[in-house]
Amino acid sequence: PEDAPEAPEFIEIEFLNGDAVAIN
């Protein structure tokens, strides 16, 4: 984690009936 990128990354996860079905 100390060597991880200095800038954050934002992602979006879509769910259907409790299960993840799509990313971004």
PDBML (XML) file of the C-alpha atoms, coordinates in Angstrom:
<?xml version="1.0" encoding="UTF-8" ?>
<PDBx:datablock datablockName="MODEL"
   xmlns:PDBx="http://pdbml.pdb.org/schema/pdbx-v50.xsd"
   xmlns:xsi="http://www.w3.org/2001/XMLSchema-instance"
   xsi:schemaLocation="http://pdbml.pdb.org/schema/pdbx-v50.xsd pdbx-v50.xsd">
   <PDBx:atom_siteCategory>
      <PDBx:atom_site id="1">
         <PDBx:B_iso_or_equiv>0.00</PDBx:B_iso_or_equiv>
         <PDBx:Cartn_x>0.000</PDBx:Cartn_x>
         <PDBx:Cartn_y>0.000</PDBx:Cartn_y>
         <PDBx:Cartn_z>0.000</PDBx:Cartn_z>
         <PDBx:auth_asym_id>A</PDBx:auth_asym_id>
         <PDBx:auth_atom_id>CA</PDBx:auth_atom_id>
         <PDBx:auth_comp_id>PRO</PDBx:auth_comp_id>
         <PDBx:auth_seq_id>1</PDBx:auth_seq_id>
         <PDBx:group_PDB>ATOM</PDBx:group_PDB>
         <PDBx:label_alt_id xsi:nil="true" />
         <PDBx:label_asym_id>A</PDBx:label_asym_id>
         <PDBx:label_atom_id>CA</PDBx:label_atom_id>
         <PDBx:label_comp_id>PRO</PDBx:label_comp_id>
         <PDBx:label_entity_id>1</PDBx:label_entity_id>
         <PDBx:label_seq_id>1</PDBx:label_seq_id>
         <PDBx:occupancy>1.00</PDBx:occupancy>
         <PDBx:pdbx_PDB_model_num>1</PDBx:pdbx_PDB_model_num>
         <PDBx:type_symbol>C</PDBx:type_symbol>
      </PDBx:atom_site>
      <PDBx:atom_site id="2">
         <PDBx:B_iso_or_equiv>0.00</PDBx:B_iso_or_equiv>
         <PDBx:Cartn_x>2.873</PDBx:Cartn_x>
         <PDBx:Cartn_y>2.414</PDBx:Cartn_y>
         <PDBx:Cartn_z>0.671</PDBx:Cartn_z>
         <PDBx:auth_asym_id>A</PDBx:auth_asym_id>
         <PDBx:auth_atom_id>CA</PDBx:auth_atom_id>
         <PDBx:auth_comp_id>GLU</PDBx:auth_comp_id>
         <PDBx:auth_seq_id>2</PDBx:auth_seq_id>
         <PDBx:group_PDB>ATOM</PDBx:group_PDB>
         <PDBx:label_alt_id xsi:nil="true" />
         <PDBx:label_asym_id>A</PDBx:label_asym_id>
         <PDBx:label_atom_id>CA</PDBx:label_atom_id>
         <PDBx:label_comp_id>GLU</PDBx:label_comp_id>
         <PDBx:label_entity_id>1</PDBx:label_entity_id>
         <PDBx:label_seq_id>2</PDBx:label_seq_id>
         <PDBx:occupancy>1.00</PDBx:occupancy>
         <PDBx:pdbx_PDB_model_num>1</PDBx:pdbx_PDB_model_num>
         <PDBx:type_symbol>C</PDBx:type_symbol>
      </PDBx:atom_site>
      <PDBx:atom_site id="3">
         <PDBx:B_iso_or_equiv>0.00</PDBx:B_iso_or_equiv>
         <PDBx:Cartn_x>3.988</PDBx:Cartn_x>
         <PDBx:Cartn_y>1.991</PDBx:Cartn_y>
         <PDBx:Cartn_z>-2.948</PDBx:Cartn_z>
         <PDBx:auth_asym_id>A</PDBx:auth_asym_id>
         <PDBx:auth_atom_id>CA</PDBx:auth_atom_id>
         <PDBx:auth_comp_id>ASP</PDBx:auth_comp_id>
         <PDBx:auth_seq_id>3</PDBx:auth_seq_id>
         <PDBx:group_PDB>ATOM</PDBx:group_PDB>
         <PDBx:label_alt_id xsi:nil="true" />
         <PDBx:label_asym_id>A</PDBx:label_asym_id>
         <PDBx:label_atom_id>CA</PDBx:label_atom_id>
         <PDBx:label_comp_id>ASP</PDBx:label_comp_id>
         <PDBx:label_entity_id>1</PDBx:label_entity_id>
         <PDBx:label_seq_id>3</PDBx:label_seq_id>
         <PDBx:occupancy>1.00</PDBx:occupancy>
         <PDBx:pdbx_PDB_model_num>1</PDBx:pdbx_PDB_model_num>
         <PDBx:type_symbol>C</PDBx:type_symbol>
      </PDBx:atom_site>
      <PDBx:atom_site id="4">
         <PDBx:B_iso_or_equiv>0.00</PDBx:B_iso_or_equiv>
         <PDBx:Cartn_x>0.494</PDBx:Cartn_x>
         <PDBx:Cartn_y>2.140</PDBx:Cartn_y>
         <PDBx:Cartn_z>-4.433</PDBx:Cartn_z>
         <PDBx:auth_asym_id>A</PDBx:auth_asym_id>
         <PDBx:auth_atom_id>CA</PDBx:auth_atom_id>
         <PDBx:auth_comp_id>ALA</PDBx:auth_comp_id>
         <PDBx:auth_seq_id>4</PDBx:auth_seq_id>
         <PDBx:group_PDB>ATOM</PDBx:group_PDB>
         <PDBx:label_alt_id xsi:nil="true" />
         <PDBx:label_asym_id>A</PDBx:label_asym_id>
         <PDBx:label_atom_id>CA</PDBx:label_atom_id>
         <PDBx:label_comp_id>ALA</PDBx:label_comp_id>
         <PDBx:label_entity_id>1</PDBx:label_entity_id>
         <PDBx:label_seq_id>4</PDBx:label_seq_id>
         <PDBx:occupancy>1.00</PDBx:occupancy>
         <PDBx:pdbx_PDB_model_num>1</PDBx:pdbx_PDB_model_num>
         <PDBx:type_symbol>C</PDBx:type_symbol>
      </PDBx:atom_site>
      <PDBx:atom_site id="5">
         <PDBx:B_iso_or_equiv>0.00</PDBx:B_iso_or_equiv>
         <PDBx:Cartn_x>-0.494</PDBx:Cartn_x>
         <PDBx:Cartn_y>5.050</PDBx:Cartn_y>
         <PDBx:Cartn_z>-6.718</PDBx:Cartn_z>
         <PDBx:auth_asym_id>A</PDBx:auth_asym_id>
         <PDBx:auth_atom_id>CA</PDBx:auth_atom_id>
         <PDBx:auth_comp_id>PRO</PDBx:auth_comp_id>
         <PDBx:auth_seq_id>5</PDBx:auth_seq_id>
         <PDBx:group_PDB>ATOM</PDBx:group_PDB>
         <PDBx:label_alt_id xsi:nil="true" />
         <PDBx:label_asym_id>A</PDBx:label_asym_id>
         <PDBx:label_atom_id>CA</PDBx:label_atom_id>
         <PDBx:label_comp_id>PRO</PDBx:label_comp_id>
         <PDBx:label_entity_id>1</PDBx:label_entity_id>
         <PDBx:label_seq_id>5</PDBx:label_seq_id>
         <PDBx:occupancy>1.00</PDBx:occupancy>
         <PDBx:pdbx_PDB_model_num>1</PDBx:pdbx_PDB_model_num>
         <PDBx:type_symbol>C</PDBx:type_symbol>
      </PDBx:atom_site>
      <PDBx:atom_site id="6">
         <PDBx:B_iso_or_equiv>0.00</PDBx:B_iso_or_equiv>
         <PDBx:Cartn_x>-0.662</PDBx:Cartn_x>
         <PDBx:Cartn_y>8.478</PDBx:Cartn_y>
         <PDBx:Cartn_z>-5.106</PDBx:Cartn_z>
         <PDBx:auth_asym_id>A</PDBx:auth_asym_id>
         <PDBx:auth_atom_id>CA</PDBx:auth_atom_id>
         <PDBx:auth_comp_id>GLU</PDBx:auth_comp_id>
         <PDBx:auth_seq_id>6</PDBx:auth_seq_id>
         <PDBx:group_PDB>ATOM</PDBx:group_PDB>
         <PDBx:label_alt_id xsi:nil="true" />
         <PDBx:label_asym_id>A</PDBx:label_asym_id>
         <PDBx:label_atom_id>CA</PDBx:label_atom_id>
         <PDBx:label_comp_id>GLU</PDBx:label_comp_id>
         <PDBx:label_entity_id>1</PDBx:label_entity_id>
         <PDBx:label_seq_id>6</PDBx:label_seq_id>
         <PDBx:occupancy>1.00</PDBx:occupancy>
         <PDBx:pdbx_PDB_model_num>1</PDBx:pdbx_PDB_model_num>
         <PDBx:type_symbol>C</PDBx:type_symbol>
      </PDBx:atom_site>
      <PDBx:atom_site id="7">
         <PDBx:B_iso_or_equiv>0.00</PDBx:B_iso_or_equiv>
         <PDBx:Cartn_x>-3.911</PDBx:Cartn_x>
         <PDBx:Cartn_y>9.240</PDBx:Cartn_y>
         <PDBx:Cartn_z>-6.907</PDBx:Cartn_z>
         <PDBx:auth_asym_id>A</PDBx:auth_asym_id>
         <PDBx:auth_atom_id>CA</PDBx:auth_atom_id>
         <PDBx:auth_comp_id>ALA</PDBx:auth_comp_id>
         <PDBx:auth_seq_id>7</PDBx:auth_seq_id>
         <PDBx:group_PDB>ATOM</PDBx:group_PDB>
         <PDBx:label_alt_id xsi:nil="true" />
         <PDBx:label_asym_id>A</PDBx:label_asym_id>
         <PDBx:label_atom_id>CA</PDBx:label_atom_id>
         <PDBx:label_comp_id>ALA</PDBx:label_comp_id>
         <PDBx:label_entity_id>1</PDBx:label_entity_id>
         <PDBx:label_seq_id>7</PDBx:label_seq_id>
         <PDBx:occupancy>1.00</PDBx:occupancy>
         <PDBx:pdbx_PDB_model_num>1</PDBx:pdbx_PDB_model_num>
         <PDBx:type_symbol>C</PDBx:type_symbol>
      </PDBx:atom_site>
      <PDBx:atom_site id="8">
         <PDBx:B_iso_or_equiv>0.00</PDBx:B_iso_or_equiv>
         <PDBx:Cartn_x>-7.124</PDBx:Cartn_x>
         <PDBx:Cartn_y>7.378</PDBx:Cartn_y>
         <PDBx:Cartn_z>-6.019</PDBx:Cartn_z>
         <PDBx:auth_asym_id>A</PDBx:auth_asym_id>
         <PDBx:auth_atom_id>CA</PDBx:auth_atom_id>
         <PDBx:auth_comp_id>PRO</PDBx:auth_comp_id>
         <PDBx:auth_seq_id>8</PDBx:auth_seq_id>
         <PDBx:group_PDB>ATOM</PDBx:group_PDB>
         <PDBx:label_alt_id xsi:nil="true" />
         <PDBx:label_asym_id>A</PDBx:label_asym_id>
         <PDBx:label_atom_id>CA</PDBx:label_atom_id>
         <PDBx:label_comp_id>PRO</PDBx:label_comp_id>
         <PDBx:label_entity_id>1</PDBx:label_entity_id>
         <PDBx:label_seq_id>8</PDBx:label_seq_id>
         <PDBx:occupancy>1.00</PDBx:occupancy>
         <PDBx:pdbx_PDB_model_num>1</PDBx:pdbx_PDB_model_num>
         <PDBx:type_symbol>C</PDBx:type_symbol>
      </PDBx:atom_site>
      <PDBx:atom_site id="9">
         <PDBx:B_iso_or_equiv>0.00</PDBx:B_iso_or_equiv>
         <PDBx:Cartn_x>-9.073</PDBx:Cartn_x>
         <PDBx:Cartn_y>5.362</PDBx:Cartn_y>
         <PDBx:Cartn_z>-8.577</PDBx:Cartn_z>
         <PDBx:auth_asym_id>A</PDBx:auth_asym_id>
         <PDBx:auth_atom_id>CA</PDBx:auth_atom_id>
         <PDBx:auth_comp_id>GLU</PDBx:auth_comp_id>
         <PDBx:auth_seq_id>9</PDBx:auth_seq_id>
         <PDBx:group_PDB>ATOM</PDBx:group_PDB>
         <PDBx:label_alt_id xsi:nil="true" />
         <PDBx:label_asym_id>A</PDBx:label_asym_id>
         <PDBx:label_atom_id>CA</PDBx:label_atom_id>
         <PDBx:label_comp_id>GLU</PDBx:label_comp_id>
         <PDBx:label_entity_id>1</PDBx:label_entity_id>
         <PDBx:label_seq_id>9</PDBx:label_seq_id>
         <PDBx:occupancy>1.00</PDBx:occupancy>
         <PDBx:pdbx_PDB_model_num>1</PDBx:pdbx_PDB_model_num>
         <PDBx:type_symbol>C</PDBx:type_symbol>
      </PDBx:atom_site>
      <PDBx:atom_site id="10">
         <PDBx:B_iso_or_equiv>0.00</PDBx:B_iso_or_equiv>
         <PDBx:Cartn_x>-12.867</PDBx:Cartn_x>
         <PDBx:Cartn_y>5.419</PDBx:Cartn_y>
         <PDBx:Cartn_z>-8.788</PDBx:Cartn_z>
         <PDBx:auth_asym_id>A</PDBx:auth_asym_id>
         <PDBx:auth_atom_id>CA</PDBx:auth_atom_id>
         <PDBx:auth_comp_id>PHE</PDBx:auth_comp_id>
         <PDBx:auth_seq_id>10</PDBx:auth_seq_id>
         <PDBx:group_PDB>ATOM</PDBx:group_PDB>
         <PDBx:label_alt_id xsi:nil="true" />
         <PDBx:label_asym_id>A</PDBx:label_asym_id>
         <PDBx:label_atom_id>CA</PDBx:label_atom_id>
         <PDBx:label_comp_id>PHE</PDBx:label_comp_id>
         <PDBx:label_entity_id>1</PDBx:label_entity_id>
         <PDBx:label_seq_id>10</PDBx:label_seq_id>
         <PDBx:occupancy>1.00</PDBx:occupancy>
         <PDBx:pdbx_PDB_model_num>1</PDBx:pdbx_PDB_model_num>
         <PDBx:type_symbol>C</PDBx:type_symbol>
      </PDBx:atom_site>
      <PDBx:atom_site id="11">
         <PDBx:B_iso_or_equiv>0.00</PDBx:B_iso_or_equiv>
         <PDBx:Cartn_x>-14.833</PDBx:Cartn_x>
         <PDBx:Cartn_y>2.472</PDBx:Cartn_y>
         <PDBx:Cartn_z>-10.117</PDBx:Cartn_z>
         <PDBx:auth_asym_id>A</PDBx:auth_asym_id>
         <PDBx:auth_atom_id>CA</PDBx:auth_atom_id>
         <PDBx:auth_comp_id>ILE</PDBx:auth_comp_id>
         <PDBx:auth_seq_id>11</PDBx:auth_seq_id>
         <PDBx:group_PDB>ATOM</PDBx:group_PDB>
         <PDBx:label_alt_id xsi:nil="true" />
         <PDBx:label_asym_id>A</PDBx:label_asym_id>
         <PDBx:label_atom_id>CA</PDBx:label_atom_id>
         <PDBx:label_comp_id>ILE</PDBx:label_comp_id>
         <PDBx:label_entity_id>1</PDBx:label_entity_id>
         <PDBx:label_seq_id>11</PDBx:label_seq_id>
         <PDBx:occupancy>1.00</PDBx:occupancy>
         <PDBx:pdbx_PDB_model_num>1</PDBx:pdbx_PDB_model_num>
         <PDBx:type_symbol>C</PDBx:type_symbol>
      </PDBx:atom_site>
      <PDBx:atom_site id="12">
         <PDBx:B_iso_or_equiv>0.00</PDBx:B_iso_or_equiv>
         <PDBx:Cartn_x>-18.524</PDBx:Cartn_x>
         <PDBx:Cartn_y>1.652</PDBx:Cartn_y>
         <PDBx:Cartn_z>-10.425</PDBx:Cartn_z>
         <PDBx:auth_asym_id>A</PDBx:auth_asym_id>
         <PDBx:auth_atom_id>CA</PDBx:auth_atom_id>
         <PDBx:auth_comp_id>GLU</PDBx:auth_comp_id>
         <PDBx:auth_seq_id>12</PDBx:auth_seq_id>
         <PDBx:group_PDB>ATOM</PDBx:group_PDB>
         <PDBx:label_alt_id xsi:nil="true" />
         <PDBx:label_asym_id>A</PDBx:label_asym_id>
         <PDBx:label_atom_id>CA</PDBx:label_atom_id>
         <PDBx:label_comp_id>GLU</PDBx:label_comp_id>
         <PDBx:label_entity_id>1</PDBx:label_entity_id>
         <PDBx:label_seq_id>12</PDBx:label_seq_id>
         <PDBx:occupancy>1.00</PDBx:occupancy>
         <PDBx:pdbx_PDB_model_num>1</PDBx:pdbx_PDB_model_num>
         <PDBx:type_symbol>C</PDBx:type_symbol>
      </PDBx:atom_site>
      <PDBx:atom_site id="13">
         <PDBx:B_iso_or_equiv>0.00</PDBx:B_iso_or_equiv>
         <PDBx:Cartn_x>-19.949</PDBx:Cartn_x>
         <PDBx:Cartn_y>-1.830</PDBx:Cartn_y>
         <PDBx:Cartn_z>-9.829</PDBx:Cartn_z>
         <PDBx:auth_asym_id>A</PDBx:auth_asym_id>
         <PDBx:auth_atom_id>CA</PDBx:auth_atom_id>
         <PDBx:auth_comp_id>ILE</PDBx:auth_comp_id>
         <PDBx:auth_seq_id>13</PDBx:auth_seq_id>
         <PDBx:group_PDB>ATOM</PDBx:group_PDB>
         <PDBx:label_alt_id xsi:nil="true" />
         <PDBx:label_asym_id>A</PDBx:label_asym_id>
         <PDBx:label_atom_id>CA</PDBx:label_atom_id>
         <PDBx:label_comp_id>ILE</PDBx:label_comp_id>
         <PDBx:label_entity_id>1</PDBx:label_entity_id>
         <PDBx:label_seq_id>13</PDBx:label_seq_id>
         <PDBx:occupancy>1.00</PDBx:occupancy>
         <PDBx:pdbx_PDB_model_num>1</PDBx:pdbx_PDB_model_num>
         <PDBx:type_symbol>C</PDBx:type_symbol>
      </PDBx:atom_site>
      <PDBx:atom_site id="14">
         <PDBx:B_iso_or_equiv>0.00</PDBx:B_iso_or_equiv>
         <PDBx:Cartn_x>-23.467</PDBx:Cartn_x>
         <PDBx:Cartn_y>-2.734</PDBx:Cartn_y>
         <PDBx:Cartn_z>-10.945</PDBx:Cartn_z>
         <PDBx:auth_asym_id>A</PDBx:auth_asym_id>
         <PDBx:auth_atom_id>CA</PDBx:auth_atom_id>
         <PDBx:auth_comp_id>GLU</PDBx:auth_comp_id>
         <PDBx:auth_seq_id>14</PDBx:auth_seq_id>
         <PDBx:group_PDB>ATOM</PDBx:group_PDB>
         <PDBx:label_alt_id xsi:nil="true" />
         <PDBx:label_asym_id>A</PDBx:label_asym_id>
         <PDBx:label_atom_id>CA</PDBx:label_atom_id>
         <PDBx:label_comp_id>GLU</PDBx:label_comp_id>
         <PDBx:label_entity_id>1</PDBx:label_entity_id>
         <PDBx:label_seq_id>14</PDBx:label_seq_id>
         <PDBx:occupancy>1.00</PDBx:occupancy>
         <PDBx:pdbx_PDB_model_num>1</PDBx:pdbx_PDB_model_num>
         <PDBx:type_symbol>C</PDBx:type_symbol>
      </PDBx:atom_site>
      <PDBx:atom_site id="15">
         <PDBx:B_iso_or_equiv>0.00</PDBx:B_iso_or_equiv>
         <PDBx:Cartn_x>-25.469</PDBx:Cartn_x>
         <PDBx:Cartn_y>-5.341</PDBx:Cartn_y>
         <PDBx:Cartn_z>-9.025</PDBx:Cartn_z>
         <PDBx:auth_asym_id>A</PDBx:auth_asym_id>
         <PDBx:auth_atom_id>CA</PDBx:auth_atom_id>
         <PDBx:auth_comp_id>PHE</PDBx:auth_comp_id>
         <PDBx:auth_seq_id>15</PDBx:auth_seq_id>
         <PDBx:group_PDB>ATOM</PDBx:group_PDB>
         <PDBx:label_alt_id xsi:nil="true" />
         <PDBx:label_asym_id>A</PDBx:label_asym_id>
         <PDBx:label_atom_id>CA</PDBx:label_atom_id>
         <PDBx:label_comp_id>PHE</PDBx:label_comp_id>
         <PDBx:label_entity_id>1</PDBx:label_entity_id>
         <PDBx:label_seq_id>15</PDBx:label_seq_id>
         <PDBx:occupancy>1.00</PDBx:occupancy>
         <PDBx:pdbx_PDB_model_num>1</PDBx:pdbx_PDB_model_num>
         <PDBx:type_symbol>C</PDBx:type_symbol>
      </PDBx:atom_site>
      <PDBx:atom_site id="16">
         <PDBx:B_iso_or_equiv>0.00</PDBx:B_iso_or_equiv>
         <PDBx:Cartn_x>-28.457</PDBx:Cartn_x>
         <PDBx:Cartn_y>-7.481</PDBx:Cartn_y>
         <PDBx:Cartn_z>-10.004</PDBx:Cartn_z>
         <PDBx:auth_asym_id>A</PDBx:auth_asym_id>
         <PDBx:auth_atom_id>CA</PDBx:auth_atom_id>
         <PDBx:auth_comp_id>LEU</PDBx:auth_comp_id>
         <PDBx:auth_seq_id>16</PDBx:auth_seq_id>
         <PDBx:group_PDB>ATOM</PDBx:group_PDB>
         <PDBx:label_alt_id xsi:nil="true" />
         <PDBx:label_asym_id>A</PDBx:label_asym_id>
         <PDBx:label_atom_id>CA</PDBx:label_atom_id>
         <PDBx:label_comp_id>LEU</PDBx:label_comp_id>
         <PDBx:label_entity_id>1</PDBx:label_entity_id>
         <PDBx:label_seq_id>16</PDBx:label_seq_id>
         <PDBx:occupancy>1.00</PDBx:occupancy>
         <PDBx:pdbx_PDB_model_num>1</PDBx:pdbx_PDB_model_num>
         <PDBx:type_symbol>C</PDBx:type_symbol>
      </PDBx:atom_site>
      <PDBx:atom_site id="17">
         <PDBx:B_iso_or_equiv>0.00</PDBx:B_iso_or_equiv>
         <PDBx:Cartn_x>-30.236</PDBx:Cartn_x>
         <PDBx:Cartn_y>-9.439</PDBx:Cartn_y>
         <PDBx:Cartn_z>-7.254</PDBx:Cartn_z>
         <PDBx:auth_asym_id>A</PDBx:auth_asym_id>
         <PDBx:auth_atom_id>CA</PDBx:auth_atom_id>
         <PDBx:auth_comp_id>ASN</PDBx:auth_comp_id>
         <PDBx:auth_seq_id>17</PDBx:auth_seq_id>
         <PDBx:group_PDB>ATOM</PDBx:group_PDB>
         <PDBx:label_alt_id xsi:nil="true" />
         <PDBx:label_asym_id>A</PDBx:label_asym_id>
         <PDBx:label_atom_id>CA</PDBx:label_atom_id>
         <PDBx:label_comp_id>ASN</PDBx:label_comp_id>
         <PDBx:label_entity_id>1</PDBx:label_entity_id>
         <PDBx:label_seq_id>17</PDBx:label_seq_id>
         <PDBx:occupancy>1.00</PDBx:occupancy>
         <PDBx:pdbx_PDB_model_num>1</PDBx:pdbx_PDB_model_num>
         <PDBx:type_symbol>C</PDBx:type_symbol>
      </PDBx:atom_site>
      <PDBx:atom_site id="18">
         <PDBx:B_iso_or_equiv>0.00</PDBx:B_iso_or_equiv>
         <PDBx:Cartn_x>-27.165</PDBx:Cartn_x>
         <PDBx:Cartn_y>-9.192</PDBx:Cartn_y>
         <PDBx:Cartn_z>-5.023</PDBx:Cartn_z>
         <PDBx:auth_asym_id>A</PDBx:auth_asym_id>
         <PDBx:auth_atom_id>CA</PDBx:auth_atom_id>
         <PDBx:auth_comp_id>GLY</PDBx:auth_comp_id>
         <PDBx:auth_seq_id>18</PDBx:auth_seq_id>
         <PDBx:group_PDB>ATOM</PDBx:group_PDB>
         <PDBx:label_alt_id xsi:nil="true" />
         <PDBx:label_asym_id>A</PDBx:label_asym_id>
         <PDBx:label_atom_id>CA</PDBx:label_atom_id>
         <PDBx:label_comp_id>GLY</PDBx:label_comp_id>
         <PDBx:label_entity_id>1</PDBx:label_entity_id>
         <PDBx:label_seq_id>18</PDBx:label_seq_id>
         <PDBx:occupancy>1.00</PDBx:occupancy>
         <PDBx:pdbx_PDB_model_num>1</PDBx:pdbx_PDB_model_num>
         <PDBx:type_symbol>C</PDBx:type_symbol>
      </PDBx:atom_site>
      <PDBx:atom_site id="19">
         <PDBx:B_iso_or_equiv>0.00</PDBx:B_iso_or_equiv>
         <PDBx:Cartn_x>-24.556</PDBx:Cartn_x>
         <PDBx:Cartn_y>-10.280</PDBx:Cartn_y>
         <PDBx:Cartn_z>-7.603</PDBx:Cartn_z>
         <PDBx:auth_asym_id>A</PDBx:auth_asym_id>
         <PDBx:auth_atom_id>CA</PDBx:auth_atom_id>
         <PDBx:auth_comp_id>ASP</PDBx:auth_comp_id>
         <PDBx:auth_seq_id>19</PDBx:auth_seq_id>
         <PDBx:group_PDB>ATOM</PDBx:group_PDB>
         <PDBx:label_alt_id xsi:nil="true" />
         <PDBx:label_asym_id>A</PDBx:label_asym_id>
         <PDBx:label_atom_id>CA</PDBx:label_atom_id>
         <PDBx:label_comp_id>ASP</PDBx:label_comp_id>
         <PDBx:label_entity_id>1</PDBx:label_entity_id>
         <PDBx:label_seq_id>19</PDBx:label_seq_id>
         <PDBx:occupancy>1.00</PDBx:occupancy>
         <PDBx:pdbx_PDB_model_num>1</PDBx:pdbx_PDB_model_num>
         <PDBx:type_symbol>C</PDBx:type_symbol>
      </PDBx:atom_site>
      <PDBx:atom_site id="20">
         <PDBx:B_iso_or_equiv>0.00</PDBx:B_iso_or_equiv>
         <PDBx:Cartn_x>-22.053</PDBx:Cartn_x>
         <PDBx:Cartn_y>-8.039</PDBx:Cartn_y>
         <PDBx:Cartn_z>-9.383</PDBx:Cartn_z>
         <PDBx:auth_asym_id>A</PDBx:auth_asym_id>
         <PDBx:auth_atom_id>CA</PDBx:auth_atom_id>
         <PDBx:auth_comp_id>ALA</PDBx:auth_comp_id>
         <PDBx:auth_seq_id>20</PDBx:auth_seq_id>
         <PDBx:group_PDB>ATOM</PDBx:group_PDB>
         <PDBx:label_alt_id xsi:nil="true" />
         <PDBx:label_asym_id>A</PDBx:label_asym_id>
         <PDBx:label_atom_id>CA</PDBx:label_atom_id>
         <PDBx:label_comp_id>ALA</PDBx:label_comp_id>
         <PDBx:label_entity_id>1</PDBx:label_entity_id>
         <PDBx:label_seq_id>20</PDBx:label_seq_id>
         <PDBx:occupancy>1.00</PDBx:occupancy>
         <PDBx:pdbx_PDB_model_num>1</PDBx:pdbx_PDB_model_num>
         <PDBx:type_symbol>C</PDBx:type_symbol>
      </PDBx:atom_site>
      <PDBx:atom_site id="21">
         <PDBx:B_iso_or_equiv>0.00</PDBx:B_iso_or_equiv>
         <PDBx:Cartn_x>-22.764</PDBx:Cartn_x>
         <PDBx:Cartn_y>-8.039</PDBx:Cartn_y>
         <PDBx:Cartn_z>-13.133</PDBx:Cartn_z>
         <PDBx:auth_asym_id>A</PDBx:auth_asym_id>
         <PDBx:auth_atom_id>CA</PDBx:auth_atom_id>
         <PDBx:auth_comp_id>VAL</PDBx:auth_comp_id>
         <PDBx:auth_seq_id>21</PDBx:auth_seq_id>
         <PDBx:group_PDB>ATOM</PDBx:group_PDB>
         <PDBx:label_alt_id xsi:nil="true" />
         <PDBx:label_asym_id>A</PDBx:label_asym_id>
         <PDBx:label_atom_id>CA</PDBx:label_atom_id>
         <PDBx:label_comp_id>VAL</PDBx:label_comp_id>
         <PDBx:label_entity_id>1</PDBx:label_entity_id>
         <PDBx:label_seq_id>21</PDBx:label_seq_id>
         <PDBx:occupancy>1.00</PDBx:occupancy>
         <PDBx:pdbx_PDB_model_num>1</PDBx:pdbx_PDB_model_num>
         <PDBx:type_symbol>C</PDBx:type_symbol>
      </PDBx:atom_site>
      <PDBx:atom_site id="22">
         <PDBx:B_iso_or_equiv>0.00</PDBx:B_iso_or_equiv>
         <PDBx:Cartn_x>-20.848</PDBx:Cartn_x>
         <PDBx:Cartn_y>-5.058</PDBx:Cartn_y>
         <PDBx:Cartn_z>-14.547</PDBx:Cartn_z>
         <PDBx:auth_asym_id>A</PDBx:auth_asym_id>
         <PDBx:auth_atom_id>CA</PDBx:auth_atom_id>
         <PDBx:auth_comp_id>ALA</PDBx:auth_comp_id>
         <PDBx:auth_seq_id>22</PDBx:auth_seq_id>
         <PDBx:group_PDB>ATOM</PDBx:group_PDB>
         <PDBx:label_alt_id xsi:nil="true" />
         <PDBx:label_asym_id>A</PDBx:label_asym_id>
         <PDBx:label_atom_id>CA</PDBx:label_atom_id>
         <PDBx:label_comp_id>ALA</PDBx:label_comp_id>
         <PDBx:label_entity_id>1</PDBx:label_entity_id>
         <PDBx:label_seq_id>22</PDBx:label_seq_id>
         <PDBx:occupancy>1.00</PDBx:occupancy>
         <PDBx:pdbx_PDB_model_num>1</PDBx:pdbx_PDB_model_num>
         <PDBx:type_symbol>C</PDBx:type_symbol>
      </PDBx:atom_site>
      <PDBx:atom_site id="23">
         <PDBx:B_iso_or_equiv>0.00</PDBx:B_iso_or_equiv>
         <PDBx:Cartn_x>-17.856</PDBx:Cartn_x>
         <PDBx:Cartn_y>-2.809</PDBx:Cartn_y>
         <PDBx:Cartn_z>-13.852</PDBx:Cartn_z>
         <PDBx:auth_asym_id>A</PDBx:auth_asym_id>
         <PDBx:auth_atom_id>CA</PDBx:auth_atom_id>
         <PDBx:auth_comp_id>ILE</PDBx:auth_comp_id>
         <PDBx:auth_seq_id>23</PDBx:auth_seq_id>
         <PDBx:group_PDB>ATOM</PDBx:group_PDB>
         <PDBx:label_alt_id xsi:nil="true" />
         <PDBx:label_asym_id>A</PDBx:label_asym_id>
         <PDBx:label_atom_id>CA</PDBx:label_atom_id>
         <PDBx:label_comp_id>ILE</PDBx:label_comp_id>
         <PDBx:label_entity_id>1</PDBx:label_entity_id>
         <PDBx:label_seq_id>23</PDBx:label_seq_id>
         <PDBx:occupancy>1.00</PDBx:occupancy>
         <PDBx:pdbx_PDB_model_num>1</PDBx:pdbx_PDB_model_num>
         <PDBx:type_symbol>C</PDBx:type_symbol>
      </PDBx:atom_site>
      <PDBx:atom_site id="24">
         <PDBx:B_iso_or_equiv>0.00</PDBx:B_iso_or_equiv>
         <PDBx:Cartn_x>-17.756</PDBx:Cartn_x>
         <PDBx:Cartn_y>0.749</PDBx:Cartn_y>
         <PDBx:Cartn_z>-15.169</PDBx:Cartn_z>
         <PDBx:auth_asym_id>A</PDBx:auth_asym_id>
         <PDBx:auth_atom_id>CA</PDBx:auth_atom_id>
         <PDBx:auth_comp_id>ASN</PDBx:auth_comp_id>
         <PDBx:auth_seq_id>24</PDBx:auth_seq_id>
         <PDBx:group_PDB>ATOM</PDBx:group_PDB>
         <PDBx:label_alt_id xsi:nil="true" />
         <PDBx:label_asym_id>A</PDBx:label_asym_id>
         <PDBx:label_atom_id>CA</PDBx:label_atom_id>
         <PDBx:label_comp_id>ASN</PDBx:label_comp_id>
         <PDBx:label_entity_id>1</PDBx:label_entity_id>
         <PDBx:label_seq_id>24</PDBx:label_seq_id>
         <PDBx:occupancy>1.00</PDBx:occupancy>
         <PDBx:pdbx_PDB_model_num>1</PDBx:pdbx_PDB_model_num>
         <PDBx:type_symbol>C</PDBx:type_symbol>
      </PDBx:atom_site>
   </PDBx:atom_siteCategory>
</PDBx:datablock>
